[in-house]
Amino acid sequence: MIKHPDQRVGVFVDVGNMYHSAKNLHQARLNFKAVLSAAVEDRKLIRAIAYCVRSNAPEEDKFFDALDKSGFEVKMKDLQVFLGGLKKGDWDVGLAMDSIKMSPKLDVICVVSGDGDFIPLVEYLQYHGVLVEVIAFGDTTSTKLRETADDFLDLSSDKRRFLIAKRED
């Protein structure tokens, strides 16, 4: 896909999906700042939003601050814990709604997630003239999502750039 410096870019990050993919696939942390840089390249960043679920873990605040300092607007919601112990916390609808609402002001939307639930969103945005790029780890990305997107960046293709080795405690 040809990228042009006049393209207006919005970056929407499913933090939970990406955090767990990096941890489970590579036993590492994702370098969100490098992901943002790769998403924007030499184009015009209009908005970058990281969607997070707060679970009150002790290291969370430092992580959320780091996202903020990396150039993301951080949107937060609390983890829901149900009576039987089931835990739920995702931002799929929030991410989709924000990207739809902002799409008239954007030429390119980068969805940073491998979740196949975003396929209808990608198709909707494309129908309305927006280019959609997906950025995620190839091994944990829905094949149909990859095929539907206008462009796909596999974060596993450059581990040195996109991963941060976990520190030994």
C-alpha atoms as a PDB file:
ATOM      1  CA  MET A   1       0.000   0.000   0.000  1.00  0.00           C
ATOM      2  CA  ILE A   2       1.299   3.452  -0.895  1.00  0.00           C
ATOM      3  CA  LYS A   3       1.607   5.770   2.095  1.00  0.00           C
ATOM      4  CA  HIS A   4       1.465   9.504   1.535  1.00  0.00           C
ATOM      5  CA  PRO A   5       2.656  12.258   3.919  1.00  0.00           C
ATOM      6  CA  ASP A   6      -0.684  14.074   3.634  1.00  0.00           C
ATOM      7  CA  GLN A   7      -2.667  11.086   4.923  1.00  0.00           C
ATOM      8  CA  ARG A   8      -4.415  11.743   8.236  1.00  0.00           C
ATOM      9  CA  VAL A   9      -3.977   8.743  10.536  1.00  0.00           C
ATOM     10  CA  GLY A  10      -5.870   7.501  13.571  1.00  0.00           C
ATOM     11  CA  VAL A  11      -4.415   4.687  15.682  1.00  0.00           C
ATOM     12  CA  PHE A  12      -6.728   2.594  17.871  1.00  0.00           C
ATOM     13  CA  VAL A  13      -5.055   0.056  20.161  1.00  0.00           C
ATOM     14  CA  ASP A  14      -6.708  -2.941  21.834  1.00  0.00           C
ATOM     15  CA  VAL A  15      -4.171  -2.933  24.676  1.00  0.00           C
ATOM     16  CA  GLY A  16      -5.369  -6.142  26.343  1.00  0.00           C
ATOM     17  CA  ASN A  17      -5.157  -8.119  23.107  1.00  0.00           C
ATOM     18  CA  MET A  18      -1.689  -6.817  22.308  1.00  0.00           C
ATOM     19  CA  TYR A  19      -0.313  -7.097  25.853  1.00  0.00           C
ATOM     20  CA  HIS A  20      -1.372 -10.743  26.177  1.00  0.00           C
ATOM     21  CA  SER A  21      -0.216 -11.662  22.660  1.00  0.00           C
ATOM     22  CA  ALA A  22       3.285 -10.295  23.344  1.00  0.00           C
ATOM     23  CA  LYS A  23       3.403 -12.011  26.729  1.00  0.00           C
ATOM     24  CA  ASN A  24       2.096 -15.405  25.555  1.00  0.00           C
ATOM     25  CA  LEU A  25       3.851 -15.567  22.175  1.00  0.00           C
ATOM     26  CA  HIS A  26       7.206 -14.006  22.994  1.00  0.00           C
ATOM     27  CA  GLN A  27       7.399 -13.805  26.807  1.00  0.00           C
ATOM     28  CA  ALA A  28       8.010 -10.092  26.329  1.00  0.00           C
ATOM     29  CA  ARG A  29       6.301  -6.729  26.545  1.00  0.00           C
ATOM     30  CA  LEU A  30       5.178  -4.764  23.524  1.00  0.00           C
ATOM     31  CA  ASN A  31       6.935  -1.492  22.759  1.00  0.00           C
ATOM     32  CA  PHE A  32       3.810   0.599  22.212  1.00  0.00           C
ATOM     33  CA  LYS A  33       5.860   3.689  21.318  1.00  0.00           C
ATOM     34  CA  ALA A  34       7.513   1.765  18.444  1.00  0.00           C
ATOM     35  CA  VAL A  35       4.109   0.507  17.307  1.00  0.00           C
ATOM     36  CA  LEU A  36       2.781   4.066  17.187  1.00  0.00           C
ATOM     37  CA  SER A  37       5.805   5.197  15.204  1.00  0.00           C
ATOM     38  CA  ALA A  38       5.360   2.347  12.698  1.00  0.00           C
ATOM     39  CA  ALA A  39       1.632   3.055  12.379  1.00  0.00           C
ATOM     40  CA  VAL A  40       2.130   6.722  11.611  1.00  0.00           C
ATOM     41  CA  GLU A  41       5.413   6.590   9.666  1.00  0.00           C
ATOM     42  CA  ASP A  42       5.789   9.996   7.997  1.00  0.00           C
ATOM     43  CA  ARG A  43       2.076  10.757   7.911  1.00  0.00           C
ATOM     44  CA  LYS A  44      -0.071  13.113  10.013  1.00  0.00           C
ATOM     45  CA  LEU A  45      -1.162  11.651  13.337  1.00  0.00           C
ATOM     46  CA  ILE A  46      -4.605  12.977  14.230  1.00  0.00           C
ATOM     47  CA  ARG A  47      -5.399  10.752  17.198  1.00  0.00           C
ATOM     48  CA  ALA A  48      -3.885   7.732  18.967  1.00  0.00           C
ATOM     49  CA  ILE A  49      -6.037   6.010  21.563  1.00  0.00           C
ATOM     50  CA  ALA A  50      -5.065   3.084  23.791  1.00  0.00           C
ATOM     51  CA  TYR A  51      -8.025   1.193  25.261  1.00  0.00           C
ATOM     52  CA  CYS A  52      -7.152  -0.296  28.666  1.00  0.00           C
ATOM     53  CA  VAL A  53      -8.889  -2.331  31.343  1.00  0.00           C
ATOM     54  CA  ARG A  54      -7.918  -1.525  34.925  1.00  0.00           C
ATOM     55  CA  SER A  55      -7.601  -4.551  37.206  1.00  0.00           C
ATOM     56  CA  ASN A  56      -5.879  -2.722  40.096  1.00  0.00           C
ATOM     57  CA  ALA A  57      -2.603  -4.614  39.705  1.00  0.00           C
ATOM     58  CA  PRO A  58       0.283  -2.751  41.379  1.00  0.00           C
ATOM     59  CA  GLU A  59       2.320  -2.116  38.205  1.00  0.00           C
ATOM     60  CA  GLU A  60      -0.646  -0.841  36.168  1.00  0.00           C
ATOM     61  CA  ASP A  61      -0.277   2.868  36.867  1.00  0.00           C
ATOM     62  CA  LYS A  62       3.320   2.911  35.606  1.00  0.00           C
ATOM     63  CA  PHE A  63       2.215   1.089  32.456  1.00  0.00           C
ATOM     64  CA  PHE A  64      -0.674   3.514  31.835  1.00  0.00           C
ATOM     65  CA  ASP A  65       1.647   6.498  32.432  1.00  0.00           C
ATOM     66  CA  ALA A  66       4.136   5.046  29.928  1.00  0.00           C
ATOM     67  CA  LEU A  67       1.364   4.757  27.327  1.00  0.00           C
ATOM     68  CA  ASP A  68       0.423   8.374  27.939  1.00  0.00           C
ATOM     69  CA  LYS A  69       4.042   9.531  27.631  1.00  0.00           C
ATOM     70  CA  SER A  70       4.375   7.526  24.386  1.00  0.00           C
ATOM     71  CA  GLY A  71       1.743   9.698  22.725  1.00  0.00           C
ATOM     72  CA  PHE A  72      -1.474   7.810  23.419  1.00  0.00           C
ATOM     73  CA  GLU A  73      -4.701   9.096  24.847  1.00  0.00           C
ATOM     74  CA  VAL A  74      -5.502   6.395  27.404  1.00  0.00           C
ATOM     75  CA  LYS A  75      -9.125   5.333  27.808  1.00  0.00           C
ATOM     76  CA  MET A  76      -9.815   3.205  30.827  1.00  0.00           C
ATOM     77  CA  LYS A  77     -12.554   1.014  32.194  1.00  0.00           C
ATOM     78  CA  ASP A  78     -12.590  -1.207  35.250  1.00  0.00           C
ATOM     79  CA  LEU A  79     -12.467  -4.982  35.011  1.00  0.00           C
ATOM     80  CA  GLN A  80     -15.900  -6.419  35.730  1.00  0.00           C
ATOM     81  CA  VAL A  81     -15.983  -9.352  38.143  1.00  0.00           C
ATOM     82  CA  PHE A  82     -19.223 -11.317  38.153  1.00  0.00           C
ATOM     83  CA  LEU A  83     -20.742 -13.343  40.978  1.00  0.00           C
ATOM     84  CA  GLY A  84     -19.398 -16.698  39.737  1.00  0.00           C
ATOM     85  CA  GLY A  85     -15.873 -15.287  39.439  1.00  0.00           C
ATOM     86  CA  LEU A  86     -16.055 -14.628  35.681  1.00  0.00           C
ATOM     87  CA  LYS A  87     -13.988 -11.583  34.709  1.00  0.00           C
ATOM     88  CA  LYS A  88     -14.766  -9.437  31.702  1.00  0.00           C
ATOM     89  CA  GLY A  89     -13.264  -6.294  30.334  1.00  0.00           C
ATOM     90  CA  ASP A  90     -12.960  -5.411  26.709  1.00  0.00           C
ATOM     91  CA  TRP A  91     -13.204  -2.296  24.633  1.00  0.00           C
ATOM     92  CA  ASP A  92     -14.236  -3.752  21.261  1.00  0.00           C
ATOM     93  CA  VAL A  93     -17.411  -1.674  20.980  1.00  0.00           C
ATOM     94  CA  GLY A  94     -15.727   1.476  22.310  1.00  0.00           C
ATOM     95  CA  LEU A  95     -12.824   1.144  19.876  1.00  0.00           C
ATOM     96  CA  ALA A  96     -15.230   0.492  16.998  1.00  0.00           C
ATOM     97  CA  MET A  97     -17.485   3.436  17.865  1.00  0.00           C
ATOM     98  CA  ASP A  98     -14.583   5.866  18.264  1.00  0.00           C
ATOM     99  CA  SER A  99     -13.048   4.848  14.950  1.00  0.00           C
ATOM    100  CA  ILE A 100     -16.406   5.171  13.175  1.00  0.00           C
ATOM    101  CA  LYS A 101     -17.075   8.583  14.732  1.00  0.00           C
ATOM    102  CA  MET A 102     -13.599   9.854  13.811  1.00  0.00           C
ATOM    103  CA  SER A 103     -13.450   8.270  10.343  1.00  0.00           C
ATOM    104  CA  PRO A 104     -14.728  11.370   8.466  1.00  0.00           C
ATOM    105  CA  LYS A 105     -11.603  13.219   9.659  1.00  0.00           C
ATOM    106  CA  LEU A 106      -9.191  10.380   8.812  1.00  0.00           C
ATOM    107  CA  ASP A 107      -7.748   8.877   5.647  1.00  0.00           C
ATOM    108  CA  VAL A 108      -6.214   5.853   7.385  1.00  0.00           C
ATOM    109  CA  ILE A 109      -7.249   3.978  10.497  1.00  0.00           C
ATOM    110  CA  CYS A 110      -4.758   1.626  12.138  1.00  0.00           C
ATOM    111  CA  VAL A 111      -6.416  -1.053  14.243  1.00  0.00           C
ATOM    112  CA  VAL A 112      -3.799  -2.496  16.553  1.00  0.00           C
ATOM    113  CA  SER A 113      -5.322  -5.872  17.372  1.00  0.00           C
ATOM    114  CA  GLY A 114      -5.504  -9.346  15.912  1.00  0.00           C
ATOM    115  CA  ASP A 115      -9.092  -9.876  17.036  1.00  0.00           C
ATOM    116  CA  GLY A 116     -11.344 -11.135  14.240  1.00  0.00           C
ATOM    117  CA  ASP A 117     -14.282  -9.389  15.911  1.00  0.00           C
ATOM    118  CA  PHE A 118     -13.035  -6.228  14.171  1.00  0.00           C
ATOM    119  CA  ILE A 119     -13.709  -7.577  10.640  1.00  0.00           C
ATOM    120  CA  PRO A 120     -17.148  -5.882  10.353  1.00  0.00           C
ATOM    121  CA  LEU A 121     -15.553  -2.611  11.522  1.00  0.00           C
ATOM    122  CA  VAL A 122     -12.822  -2.876   8.888  1.00  0.00           C
ATOM    123  CA  GLU A 123     -15.400  -3.567   6.176  1.00  0.00           C
ATOM    124  CA  TYR A 124     -17.586  -0.657   7.316  1.00  0.00           C
ATOM    125  CA  LEU A 125     -14.671   1.796   7.331  1.00  0.00           C
ATOM    126  CA  GLN A 126     -13.491   0.635   3.908  1.00  0.00           C
ATOM    127  CA  TYR A 127     -17.013   1.009   2.518  1.00  0.00           C
ATOM    128  CA  HIS A 128     -16.895   4.622   3.699  1.00  0.00           C
ATOM    129  CA  GLY A 129     -13.588   5.303   1.943  1.00  0.00           C
ATOM    130  CA  VAL A 130     -11.125   4.881   4.789  1.00  0.00           C
ATOM    131  CA  LEU A 131      -8.003   2.766   4.353  1.00  0.00           C
ATOM    132  CA  VAL A 132      -7.611   0.300   7.203  1.00  0.00           C
ATOM    133  CA  GLU A 133      -4.275  -1.051   8.361  1.00  0.00           C
ATOM    134  CA  VAL A 134      -4.056  -3.811  10.941  1.00  0.00           C
ATOM    135  CA  ILE A 135      -1.030  -4.107  13.177  1.00  0.00           C
ATOM    136  CA  ALA A 136      -0.635  -7.215  15.323  1.00  0.00           C
ATOM    137  CA  PHE A 137       1.305 -10.446  15.789  1.00  0.00           C
ATOM    138  CA  GLY A 138       0.775 -12.690  12.774  1.00  0.00           C
ATOM    139  CA  ASP A 139       0.478 -15.887  14.829  1.00  0.00           C
ATOM    140  CA  THR A 140      -2.413 -14.529  16.900  1.00  0.00           C
ATOM    141  CA  THR A 141      -4.195 -12.516  14.206  1.00  0.00           C
ATOM    142  CA  SER A 142      -7.380 -13.714  12.565  1.00  0.00           C
ATOM    143  CA  THR A 143      -6.566 -14.791   9.009  1.00  0.00           C
ATOM    144  CA  LYS A 144      -9.759 -13.173   7.740  1.00  0.00           C
ATOM    145  CA  LEU A 145      -8.856  -9.904   9.488  1.00  0.00           C
ATOM    146  CA  ARG A 146      -5.467  -9.925   7.749  1.00  0.00           C
ATOM    147  CA  GLU A 147      -7.093 -10.600   4.391  1.00  0.00           C
ATOM    148  CA  THR A 148      -9.756  -7.921   4.873  1.00  0.00           C
ATOM    149  CA  ALA A 149      -7.369  -5.126   5.881  1.00  0.00           C
ATOM    150  CA  ASP A 150      -5.785  -2.900   3.240  1.00  0.00           C
ATOM    151  CA  ASP A 151      -2.396  -3.519   4.848  1.00  0.00           C
ATOM    152  CA  PHE A 152      -1.052  -5.721   7.637  1.00  0.00           C
ATOM    153  CA  LEU A 153       2.066  -5.223   9.749  1.00  0.00           C
ATOM    154  CA  ASP A 154       3.232  -8.379  11.535  1.00  0.00           C
ATOM    155  CA  LEU A 155       4.960  -7.244  14.724  1.00  0.00           C
ATOM    156  CA  SER A 156       6.754 -10.596  14.926  1.00  0.00           C
ATOM    157  CA  SER A 157       8.672  -9.654  11.773  1.00  0.00           C
ATOM    158  CA  ASP A 158      10.851  -7.188  13.715  1.00  0.00           C
ATOM    159  CA  LYS A 159      11.071  -8.404  17.308  1.00  0.00           C
ATOM    160  CA  ARG A 160      14.023  -6.142  18.137  1.00  0.00           C
ATOM    161  CA  ARG A 161      11.960  -3.089  17.251  1.00  0.00           C
ATOM    162  CA  PHE A 162       8.597  -4.044  18.706  1.00  0.00           C
ATOM    163  CA  LEU A 163       9.364  -6.158  21.776  1.00  0.00           C
ATOM    164  CA  ILE A 164      10.896  -5.344  25.130  1.00  0.00           C
ATOM    165  CA  ALA A 165      12.441  -8.275  26.962  1.00  0.00           C
ATOM    166  CA  LYS A 166      10.897  -8.913  30.346  1.00  0.00           C
ATOM    167  CA  ARG A 167      13.148  -8.079  33.258  1.00  0.00           C
ATOM    168  CA  GLU A 168      14.029 -10.877  35.603  1.00  0.00           C
ATOM    169  CA  ASP A 169      12.688 -10.115  39.081  1.00  0.00           C
END
